[in-house]
Amino acid sequence: MRFYKMHGAGNDYIYFDCMHREIENPEKLSIRLSDRHFSIGGDGIILLCPSDKADVKMRMFNADGSEGKMCGNGIRSLGKLAHMLGYVKGNTCRVETLSGIKTLQYIFWKGGKVESVKVDMDEPELNGEKIPSTFKGERVVSAPMTVGGIEYKITLVSMGNPHCVVFTDPDTLDIGKVGILFENAPEFPDGINTEFVKVTGENELKMRVWERGSGETLACGTGACAAAVAAVLNGLCRADKPITVHLSGGDLTIEISDDRVYMTGGATLVFTGEVDL
């Protein structure tokens, strides 16, 4: 079966066109193909599927085989793939995900190829119990939490995926050690994605991310959105101007308007190939 290796800001996935063919046991396939030494390599696999609610449907599986509800970088590349394969015409695309239907707006190169994609990421969820977490309250902002014997100030945001944002210098942390402690902390019954964020300028953030099920990745779209929302909630950024989030794999632009979050970033086809399933 043909696959498409694509990335958004370095967040790379292996894509399959499942509009006319189903893949059995995608959980196991994601584990097998994500290995960077003995297989294709990626942060997981993403399936482009038919939908009776939107133009197309996205199913996303992490490198450990767990299914994710939403993937900000992944959905941009999926939207580009749907346009590239002719399943979607025009300037917009509606994608069904486990966290609802997302609307994508294409930004084109000269010649009609998709250069980047702007995604309406909907409203952020801020209620502590709905993240889900054991923290209560309509907003959990700069709340103390002890992890590995160290107290951190955390802000919780869900963008379809649960996120815990910590404002600190990400370059001084052992992300692998600290990230896994956050992911498996009892305060987060479904696990958590953790962003370690530093303000580097006016409406500019630097971020490293530990994703549940994948470990540290070069970028996380929902995480960048969560970081921007958390920065506004903590008074570190302004909501009336775009926020640039610098990630290890590239930059994303986040806009917050009328309580909705919009994310713009690149979507790149790296290579295609075939693999025996």
C-alpha atoms as a PDB file:
ATOM      1  CA  MET A   1       0.000   0.000   0.000  1.00  0.00           C
ATOM      2  CA  ARG A   2       1.265   3.473  -0.855  1.00  0.00           C
ATOM      3  CA  PHE A   3       2.179   5.776   2.013  1.00  0.00           C
ATOM      4  CA  TYR A   4       2.968   9.480   2.214  1.00  0.00           C
ATOM      5  CA  LYS A   5       5.594  10.722   4.678  1.00  0.00           C
ATOM      6  CA  MET A   6       4.644  14.278   5.655  1.00  0.00           C
ATOM      7  CA  HIS A   7       5.493  16.732   8.396  1.00  0.00           C
ATOM      8  CA  GLY A   8       4.299  19.982   9.907  1.00  0.00           C
ATOM      9  CA  ALA A   9       7.054  21.894  11.726  1.00  0.00           C
ATOM     10  CA  GLY A  10       8.964  18.606  12.095  1.00  0.00           C
ATOM     11  CA  ASN A  11       6.002  16.700  13.569  1.00  0.00           C
ATOM     12  CA  ASP A  12       6.144  13.801  11.094  1.00  0.00           C
ATOM     13  CA  TYR A  13       3.566  11.124  10.363  1.00  0.00           C
ATOM     14  CA  ILE A  14       3.052   8.316   7.881  1.00  0.00           C
ATOM     15  CA  TYR A  15      -0.176   8.893   5.941  1.00  0.00           C
ATOM     16  CA  PHE A  16      -2.380   6.345   4.203  1.00  0.00           C
ATOM     17  CA  ASP A  17      -5.206   6.983   1.766  1.00  0.00           C
ATOM     18  CA  CYS A  18      -8.068   4.942   3.220  1.00  0.00           C
ATOM     19  CA  MET A  19     -10.855   6.585   1.245  1.00  0.00           C
ATOM     20  CA  HIS A  20     -11.450   3.335  -0.650  1.00  0.00           C
ATOM     21  CA  ARG A  21      -9.546   0.777   1.416  1.00  0.00           C
ATOM     22  CA  GLU A  22      -9.561   0.083   5.146  1.00  0.00           C
ATOM     23  CA  ILE A  23      -6.491  -0.826   7.188  1.00  0.00           C
ATOM     24  CA  GLU A  24      -6.901  -3.554   9.767  1.00  0.00           C
ATOM     25  CA  ASN A  25      -5.317  -3.044  13.185  1.00  0.00           C
ATOM     26  CA  PRO A  26      -3.843   0.447  12.629  1.00  0.00           C
ATOM     27  CA  GLU A  27      -2.690   0.426  16.267  1.00  0.00           C
ATOM     28  CA  LYS A  28      -0.205  -2.371  15.611  1.00  0.00           C
ATOM     29  CA  LEU A  29       0.787  -0.899  12.249  1.00  0.00           C
ATOM     30  CA  SER A  30       1.665   2.429  13.861  1.00  0.00           C
ATOM     31  CA  ILE A  31       3.992   0.725  16.324  1.00  0.00           C
ATOM     32  CA  ARG A  32       5.701  -1.202  13.515  1.00  0.00           C
ATOM     33  CA  LEU A  33       6.137   1.648  11.052  1.00  0.00           C
ATOM     34  CA  SER A  34       7.060   4.429  13.510  1.00  0.00           C
ATOM     35  CA  ASP A  35      10.393   2.846  14.444  1.00  0.00           C
ATOM     36  CA  ARG A  36      13.090   5.170  13.122  1.00  0.00           C
ATOM     37  CA  HIS A  37      15.833   2.536  12.921  1.00  0.00           C
ATOM     38  CA  PHE A  38      14.097  -0.525  11.528  1.00  0.00           C
ATOM     39  CA  SER A  39      11.138   0.949   9.650  1.00  0.00           C
ATOM     40  CA  ILE A  40       9.886   4.141   7.970  1.00  0.00           C
ATOM     41  CA  GLY A  41      10.048   6.308  11.105  1.00  0.00           C
ATOM     42  CA  GLY A  42       7.577   8.865  12.397  1.00  0.00           C
ATOM     43  CA  ASP A  43       5.585  10.138  15.359  1.00  0.00           C
ATOM     44  CA  GLY A  44       2.795   7.765  14.298  1.00  0.00           C
ATOM     45  CA  ILE A  45       0.414   7.112  11.405  1.00  0.00           C
ATOM     46  CA  ILE A  46      -2.570   9.084  10.137  1.00  0.00           C
ATOM     47  CA  LEU A  47      -5.388   7.684   8.032  1.00  0.00           C
ATOM     48  CA  LEU A  48      -7.322   9.749   5.465  1.00  0.00           C
ATOM     49  CA  CYS A  49     -10.827   8.246   5.662  1.00  0.00           C
ATOM     50  CA  PRO A  50     -14.286   8.932   4.234  1.00  0.00           C
ATOM     51  CA  SER A  51     -16.790  10.859   6.361  1.00  0.00           C
ATOM     52  CA  ASP A  52     -20.553  11.267   6.279  1.00  0.00           C
ATOM     53  CA  LYS A  53     -20.261  14.440   8.370  1.00  0.00           C
ATOM     54  CA  ALA A  54     -17.442  16.377   6.680  1.00  0.00           C
ATOM     55  CA  ASP A  55     -15.280  16.312   3.546  1.00  0.00           C
ATOM     56  CA  VAL A  56     -12.909  13.723   5.026  1.00  0.00           C
ATOM     57  CA  LYS A  57     -12.130  12.060   8.346  1.00  0.00           C
ATOM     58  CA  MET A  58      -8.825  11.852  10.190  1.00  0.00           C
ATOM     59  CA  ARG A  59      -7.745   8.928  12.361  1.00  0.00           C
ATOM     60  CA  MET A  60      -4.435   9.427  14.135  1.00  0.00           C
ATOM     61  CA  PHE A  61      -2.344   6.859  16.014  1.00  0.00           C
ATOM     62  CA  ASN A  62       0.688   7.618  18.172  1.00  0.00           C
ATOM     63  CA  ALA A  63       3.959   5.719  17.967  1.00  0.00           C
ATOM     64  CA  ASP A  64       2.853   3.501  20.865  1.00  0.00           C
ATOM     65  CA  GLY A  65      -0.342   2.511  19.039  1.00  0.00           C
ATOM     66  CA  SER A  66      -2.734   4.646  21.091  1.00  0.00           C
ATOM     67  CA  GLU A  67      -5.342   6.611  19.135  1.00  0.00           C
ATOM     68  CA  GLY A  68      -5.330  10.385  19.496  1.00  0.00           C
ATOM     69  CA  LYS A  69      -8.415  12.562  19.360  1.00  0.00           C
ATOM     70  CA  MET A  70      -6.727  15.443  17.556  1.00  0.00           C
ATOM     71  CA  CYS A  71      -3.365  16.436  16.054  1.00  0.00           C
ATOM     72  CA  GLY A  72      -2.784  20.041  15.054  1.00  0.00           C
ATOM     73  CA  ASN A  73       0.246  19.478  12.840  1.00  0.00           C
ATOM     74  CA  GLY A  74      -1.139  16.215  11.502  1.00  0.00           C
ATOM     75  CA  ILE A  75      -4.452  17.701  10.405  1.00  0.00           C
ATOM     76  CA  ARG A  76      -2.700  20.332   8.283  1.00  0.00           C
ATOM     77  CA  SER A  77      -0.800  17.681   6.335  1.00  0.00           C
ATOM     78  CA  LEU A  78      -3.941  15.542   6.064  1.00  0.00           C
ATOM     79  CA  GLY A  79      -5.768  18.521   4.587  1.00  0.00           C
ATOM     80  CA  LYS A  80      -2.970  19.063   2.084  1.00  0.00           C
ATOM     81  CA  LEU A  81      -3.020  15.367   1.149  1.00  0.00           C
ATOM     82  CA  ALA A  82      -6.801  15.438   0.604  1.00  0.00           C
ATOM     83  CA  HIS A  83      -6.364  18.412  -1.738  1.00  0.00           C
ATOM     84  CA  MET A  84      -3.362  16.848  -3.488  1.00  0.00           C
ATOM     85  CA  LEU A  85      -5.243  13.603  -4.169  1.00  0.00           C
ATOM     86  CA  GLY A  86      -8.291  15.468  -5.461  1.00  0.00           C
ATOM     87  CA  TYR A  87     -10.735  14.543  -2.706  1.00  0.00           C
ATOM     88  CA  VAL A  88     -11.216  18.215  -1.809  1.00  0.00           C
ATOM     89  CA  LYS A  89     -11.572  21.152  -4.189  1.00  0.00           C
ATOM     90  CA  GLY A  90     -11.489  24.867  -3.476  1.00  0.00           C
ATOM     91  CA  ASN A  91      -9.962  26.816  -0.624  1.00  0.00           C
ATOM     92  CA  THR A  92     -11.373  25.056   2.436  1.00  0.00           C
ATOM     93  CA  CYS A  93     -11.721  21.572   3.855  1.00  0.00           C
ATOM     94  CA  ARG A  94     -13.824  20.233   6.735  1.00  0.00           C
ATOM     95  CA  VAL A  95     -12.223  17.347   8.635  1.00  0.00           C
ATOM     96  CA  GLU A  96     -14.003  15.034  11.051  1.00  0.00           C
ATOM     97  CA  THR A  97     -11.913  14.131  14.122  1.00  0.00           C
ATOM     98  CA  LEU A  98     -12.625  12.490  17.454  1.00  0.00           C
ATOM     99  CA  SER A  99     -12.681  15.987  18.961  1.00  0.00           C
ATOM    100  CA  GLY A 100     -15.176  17.368  16.464  1.00  0.00           C
ATOM    101  CA  ILE A 101     -15.185  18.811  12.952  1.00  0.00           C
ATOM    102  CA  LYS A 102     -12.343  21.217  12.150  1.00  0.00           C
ATOM    103  CA  THR A 103     -12.357  23.718   9.275  1.00  0.00           C
ATOM    104  CA  LEU A 104      -9.136  24.194   7.317  1.00  0.00           C
ATOM    105  CA  GLN A 105      -8.277  27.116   5.043  1.00  0.00           C
ATOM    106  CA  TYR A 106      -5.643  26.551   2.359  1.00  0.00           C
ATOM    107  CA  ILE A 107      -2.886  29.036   1.592  1.00  0.00           C
ATOM    108  CA  PHE A 108      -1.512  28.370  -1.891  1.00  0.00           C
ATOM    109  CA  TRP A 109       1.826  28.750  -3.644  1.00  0.00           C
ATOM    110  CA  LYS A 110       1.754  30.222  -7.127  1.00  0.00           C
ATOM    111  CA  GLY A 111       0.740  27.324  -9.332  1.00  0.00           C
ATOM    112  CA  GLY A 112      -1.990  26.043  -7.060  1.00  0.00           C
ATOM    113  CA  LYS A 113      -0.035  23.850  -4.639  1.00  0.00           C
ATOM    114  CA  VAL A 114      -0.873  24.108  -0.946  1.00  0.00           C
ATOM    115  CA  GLU A 115       1.896  25.946   0.922  1.00  0.00           C
ATOM    116  CA  SER A 116       0.408  26.162   4.397  1.00  0.00           C
ATOM    117  CA  VAL A 117      -2.879  25.610   6.190  1.00  0.00           C
ATOM    118  CA  LYS A 118      -4.862  27.646   8.712  1.00  0.00           C
ATOM    119  CA  VAL A 119      -6.952  25.565  11.106  1.00  0.00           C
ATOM    120  CA  ASP A 120      -9.927  26.677  13.181  1.00  0.00           C
ATOM    121  CA  MET A 121      -9.101  24.808  16.398  1.00  0.00           C
ATOM    122  CA  ASP A 122     -12.375  25.767  18.132  1.00  0.00           C
ATOM    123  CA  GLU A 123     -12.674  26.987  21.715  1.00  0.00           C
ATOM    124  CA  PRO A 124     -10.154  25.847  24.318  1.00  0.00           C
ATOM    125  CA  GLU A 125     -11.464  23.826  27.252  1.00  0.00           C
ATOM    126  CA  LEU A 126     -10.215  25.267  30.546  1.00  0.00           C
ATOM    127  CA  ASN A 127     -12.308  23.427  33.151  1.00  0.00           C
ATOM    128  CA  GLY A 128      -9.917  21.350  35.239  1.00  0.00           C
ATOM    129  CA  GLU A 129     -12.131  18.301  35.543  1.00  0.00           C
ATOM    130  CA  LYS A 130     -12.894  18.258  31.801  1.00  0.00           C
ATOM    131  CA  ILE A 131      -9.206  18.241  30.785  1.00  0.00           C
ATOM    132  CA  PRO A 132      -9.465  15.656  32.472  1.00  0.00           C
ATOM    133  CA  SER A 133      -7.576  16.113  35.714  1.00  0.00           C
ATOM    134  CA  THR A 134      -8.104  16.012  39.456  1.00  0.00           C
ATOM    135  CA  PHE A 135      -7.812  19.821  39.563  1.00  0.00           C
ATOM    136  CA  LYS A 136     -11.143  21.544  40.053  1.00  0.00           C
ATOM    137  CA  GLY A 137     -12.367  24.915  38.869  1.00  0.00           C
ATOM    138  CA  GLU A 138     -13.445  26.672  35.682  1.00  0.00           C
ATOM    139  CA  ARG A 139      -9.789  27.575  35.070  1.00  0.00           C
ATOM    140  CA  VAL A 140      -6.565  26.043  36.340  1.00  0.00           C
ATOM    141  CA  VAL A 141      -4.023  28.838  35.902  1.00  0.00           C
ATOM    142  CA  SER A 142      -0.562  28.858  37.504  1.00  0.00           C
ATOM    143  CA  ALA A 143      -1.647  26.169  39.953  1.00  0.00           C
ATOM    144  CA  PRO A 144       1.040  24.503  42.110  1.00  0.00           C
ATOM    145  CA  MET A 145       1.811  20.858  41.341  1.00  0.00           C
ATOM    146  CA  THR A 146       4.663  18.735  42.683  1.00  0.00           C
ATOM    147  CA  VAL A 147       6.301  16.378  40.185  1.00  0.00           C
ATOM    148  CA  GLY A 148       9.423  14.396  41.015  1.00  0.00           C
ATOM    149  CA  GLY A 149       9.825  16.315  44.256  1.00  0.00           C
ATOM    150  CA  ILE A 150       9.813  19.718  42.502  1.00  0.00           C
ATOM    151  CA  GLU A 151       6.937  22.196  42.584  1.00  0.00           C
ATOM    152  CA  TYR A 152       5.826  23.595  39.229  1.00  0.00           C
ATOM    153  CA  LYS A 153       3.170  26.170  38.361  1.00  0.00           C
ATOM    154  CA  ILE A 154       0.888  24.632  35.740  1.00  0.00           C
ATOM    155  CA  THR A 155      -1.876  25.898  33.464  1.00  0.00           C
ATOM    156  CA  LEU A 156      -4.275  23.342  31.978  1.00  0.00           C
ATOM    157  CA  VAL A 157      -5.776  23.662  28.501  1.00  0.00           C
ATOM    158  CA  SER A 158      -7.496  21.120  26.262  1.00  0.00           C
ATOM    159  CA  MET A 159      -7.490  21.668  22.507  1.00  0.00           C
ATOM    160  CA  GLY A 160      -9.131  18.315  21.833  1.00  0.00           C
ATOM    161  CA  ASN A 161      -6.055  16.810  23.505  1.00  0.00           C
ATOM    162  CA  PRO A 162      -5.183  17.536  27.157  1.00  0.00           C
ATOM    163  CA  HIS A 163      -2.224  19.845  27.794  1.00  0.00           C
ATOM    164  CA  CYS A 164      -0.294  20.972  30.847  1.00  0.00           C
ATOM    165  CA  VAL A 165       1.710  24.153  30.241  1.00  0.00           C
ATOM    166  CA  VAL A 166       4.685  25.017  32.426  1.00  0.00           C
ATOM    167  CA  PHE A 167       6.472  28.354  32.045  1.00  0.00           C
ATOM    168  CA  THR A 168      10.171  27.719  32.538  1.00  0.00           C
ATOM    169  CA  ASP A 169      13.376  27.628  30.498  1.00  0.00           C
ATOM    170  CA  PRO A 170      12.939  24.449  28.422  1.00  0.00           C
ATOM    171  CA  ASP A 171      16.644  24.196  27.655  1.00  0.00           C
ATOM    172  CA  THR A 172      17.546  23.687  31.320  1.00  0.00           C
ATOM    173  CA  LEU A 173      15.293  20.653  31.790  1.00  0.00           C
ATOM    174  CA  ASP A 174      15.805  16.955  31.194  1.00  0.00           C
ATOM    175  CA  ILE A 175      12.606  16.710  29.131  1.00  0.00           C
ATOM    176  CA  GLY A 176      12.743  12.932  28.908  1.00  0.00           C
ATOM    177  CA  LYS A 177      12.901  12.546  32.663  1.00  0.00           C
ATOM    178  CA  VAL A 178      10.406  15.247  33.582  1.00  0.00           C
ATOM    179  CA  GLY A 179       7.999  14.660  30.698  1.00  0.00           C
ATOM    180  CA  ILE A 180       7.316  11.029  31.530  1.00  0.00           C
ATOM    181  CA  LEU A 181       6.639  11.991  35.156  1.00  0.00           C
ATOM    182  CA  PHE A 182       3.993  14.493  34.050  1.00  0.00           C
ATOM    183  CA  GLU A 183       2.485  12.038  31.562  1.00  0.00           C
ATOM    184  CA  ASN A 184       1.989   9.381  34.240  1.00  0.00           C
ATOM    185  CA  ALA A 185       1.123  11.662  37.150  1.00  0.00           C
ATOM    186  CA  PRO A 186      -1.992  10.508  39.067  1.00  0.00           C
ATOM    187  CA  GLU A 187      -3.513  13.973  38.620  1.00  0.00           C
ATOM    188  CA  PHE A 188      -4.090  13.109  34.931  1.00  0.00           C
ATOM    189  CA  PRO A 189      -6.175   9.919  34.585  1.00  0.00           C
ATOM    190  CA  ASP A 190      -5.838   9.856  30.774  1.00  0.00           C
ATOM    191  CA  GLY A 191      -2.213  11.008  30.707  1.00  0.00           C
ATOM    192  CA  ILE A 192      -1.141  14.483  29.628  1.00  0.00           C
ATOM    193  CA  ASN A 193       0.882  16.320  26.999  1.00  0.00           C
ATOM    194  CA  THR A 194       3.279  18.751  28.654  1.00  0.00           C
ATOM    195  CA  GLU A 195       4.652  21.973  27.174  1.00  0.00           C
ATOM    196  CA  PHE A 196       7.698  23.656  28.688  1.00  0.00           C
ATOM    197  CA  VAL A 197       7.531  27.268  27.540  1.00  0.00           C
ATOM    198  CA  LYS A 198       9.644  30.426  27.754  1.00  0.00           C
ATOM    199  CA  VAL A 199       8.646  33.938  26.680  1.00  0.00           C
ATOM    200  CA  THR A 200      11.330  35.147  24.250  1.00  0.00           C
ATOM    201  CA  GLY A 201       9.833  38.423  23.036  1.00  0.00           C
ATOM    202  CA  GLU A 202       6.606  40.343  22.568  1.00  0.00           C
ATOM    203  CA  ASN A 203       4.039  37.661  21.697  1.00  0.00           C
ATOM    204  CA  GLU A 204       6.832  35.180  21.051  1.00  0.00           C
ATOM    205  CA  LEU A 205       7.236  31.852  22.815  1.00  0.00           C
ATOM    206  CA  LYS A 206       9.839  29.090  22.724  1.00  0.00           C
ATOM    207  CA  MET A 207       8.443  25.635  23.443  1.00  0.00           C
ATOM    208  CA  ARG A 208       9.535  22.031  23.862  1.00  0.00           C
ATOM    209  CA  VAL A 209       6.901  19.352  24.199  1.00  0.00           C
ATOM    210  CA  TRP A 210       6.523  15.903  25.691  1.00  0.00           C
ATOM    211  CA  GLU A 211       3.605  14.117  24.013  1.00  0.00           C
ATOM    212  CA  ARG A 212       1.845  11.251  25.704  1.00  0.00           C
ATOM    213  CA  GLY A 213       2.447   8.081  23.751  1.00  0.00           C
ATOM    214  CA  SER A 214       5.243   9.568  21.619  1.00  0.00           C
ATOM    215  CA  GLY A 215       7.761  11.246  23.953  1.00  0.00           C
ATOM    216  CA  GLU A 216       9.503  14.464  22.955  1.00  0.00           C
ATOM    217  CA  THR A 217       8.584  15.561  19.444  1.00  0.00           C
ATOM    218  CA  LEU A 218       9.875  18.401  17.277  1.00  0.00           C
ATOM    219  CA  ALA A 219       6.482  20.099  17.333  1.00  0.00           C
ATOM    220  CA  CYS A 220       2.905  19.800  18.546  1.00  0.00           C
ATOM    221  CA  GLY A 221       0.138  21.892  16.988  1.00  0.00           C
ATOM    222  CA  THR A 222      -2.438  21.520  19.750  1.00  0.00           C
ATOM    223  CA  GLY A 223       0.400  22.075  22.233  1.00  0.00           C
ATOM    224  CA  ALA A 224       1.392  25.345  20.561  1.00  0.00           C
ATOM    225  CA  CYS A 225      -2.241  26.467  20.761  1.00  0.00           C
ATOM    226  CA  ALA A 226      -2.394  25.481  24.432  1.00  0.00           C
ATOM    227  CA  ALA A 227       0.857  27.354  25.134  1.00  0.00           C
ATOM    228  CA  ALA A 228      -0.487  30.509  23.494  1.00  0.00           C
ATOM    229  CA  VAL A 229      -3.771  30.312  25.419  1.00  0.00           C
ATOM    230  CA  ALA A 230      -1.878  29.728  28.668  1.00  0.00           C
ATOM    231  CA  ALA A 231       0.403  32.693  27.958  1.00  0.00           C
ATOM    232  CA  VAL A 232      -2.627  34.962  27.545  1.00  0.00           C
ATOM    233  CA  LEU A 233      -4.266  33.597  30.699  1.00  0.00           C
ATOM    234  CA  ASN A 234      -1.059  34.287  32.652  1.00  0.00           C
ATOM    235  CA  GLY A 235      -0.726  37.815  31.248  1.00  0.00           C
ATOM    236  CA  LEU A 236       2.450  36.987  29.317  1.00  0.00           C
ATOM    237  CA  CYS A 237       1.076  37.580  25.802  1.00  0.00           C
ATOM    238  CA  ARG A 238      -1.638  39.722  24.235  1.00  0.00           C
ATOM    239  CA  ALA A 239      -4.694  38.126  22.668  1.00  0.00           C
ATOM    240  CA  ASP A 240      -5.203  40.943  20.130  1.00  0.00           C
ATOM    241  CA  LYS A 241      -2.035  40.091  18.184  1.00  0.00           C
ATOM    242  CA  PRO A 242      -0.762  36.856  16.610  1.00  0.00           C
ATOM    243  CA  ILE A 243       1.509  34.782  18.826  1.00  0.00           C
ATOM    244  CA  THR A 244       4.547  33.104  17.273  1.00  0.00           C
ATOM    245  CA  VAL A 245       5.517  29.799  18.856  1.00  0.00           C
ATOM    246  CA  HIS A 246       9.069  28.639  18.130  1.00  0.00           C
ATOM    247  CA  LEU A 247       9.337  24.854  18.252  1.00  0.00           C
ATOM    248  CA  SER A 248      12.302  22.580  17.685  1.00  0.00           C
ATOM    249  CA  GLY A 249      11.056  21.795  14.160  1.00  0.00           C
ATOM    250  CA  GLY A 250       9.807  25.226  13.083  1.00  0.00           C
ATOM    251  CA  ASP A 251       7.377  28.027  13.865  1.00  0.00           C
ATOM    252  CA  LEU A 252       3.601  28.148  14.194  1.00  0.00           C
ATOM    253  CA  THR A 253       1.401  31.237  14.285  1.00  0.00           C
ATOM    254  CA  ILE A 254      -1.484  31.224  16.777  1.00  0.00           C
ATOM    255  CA  GLU A 255      -4.362  33.696  16.762  1.00  0.00           C
ATOM    256  CA  ILE A 256      -6.981  33.991  19.501  1.00  0.00           C
ATOM    257  CA  SER A 257     -10.221  35.686  18.477  1.00  0.00           C
ATOM    258  CA  ASP A 258     -13.692  35.585  20.029  1.00  0.00           C
ATOM    259  CA  ASP A 259     -12.590  32.780  22.347  1.00  0.00           C
ATOM    260  CA  ARG A 260     -11.565  30.633  19.349  1.00  0.00           C
ATOM    261  CA  VAL A 261      -8.042  29.586  18.469  1.00  0.00           C
ATOM    262  CA  TYR A 262      -6.596  29.578  14.951  1.00  0.00           C
ATOM    263  CA  MET A 263      -3.321  27.903  14.013  1.00  0.00           C
ATOM    264  CA  THR A 264      -1.330  28.515  10.816  1.00  0.00           C
ATOM    265  CA  GLY A 265       1.683  26.510   9.718  1.00  0.00           C
ATOM    266  CA  GLY A 266       3.345  24.615   6.904  1.00  0.00           C
ATOM    267  CA  ALA A 267       2.474  21.168   5.568  1.00  0.00           C
ATOM    268  CA  THR A 268       5.275  19.371   3.734  1.00  0.00           C
ATOM    269  CA  LEU A 269       5.349  16.186   1.673  1.00  0.00           C
ATOM    270  CA  VAL A 270       8.741  14.567   2.344  1.00  0.00           C
ATOM    271  CA  PHE A 271       8.506  11.424   0.207  1.00  0.00           C
ATOM    272  CA  THR A 272       6.179   8.635  -0.876  1.00  0.00           C
ATOM    273  CA  GLY A 273       6.699   4.894  -0.964  1.00  0.00           C
ATOM    274  CA  GLU A 274       5.064   1.509  -0.689  1.00  0.00           C
ATOM    275  CA  VAL A 275       4.957  -0.898   2.245  1.00  0.00           C
ATOM    276  CA  ASP A 276       3.621  -4.416   2.688  1.00  0.00           C
ATOM    277  CA  LEU A 277       0.825  -4.518   5.227  1.00  0.00           C
END
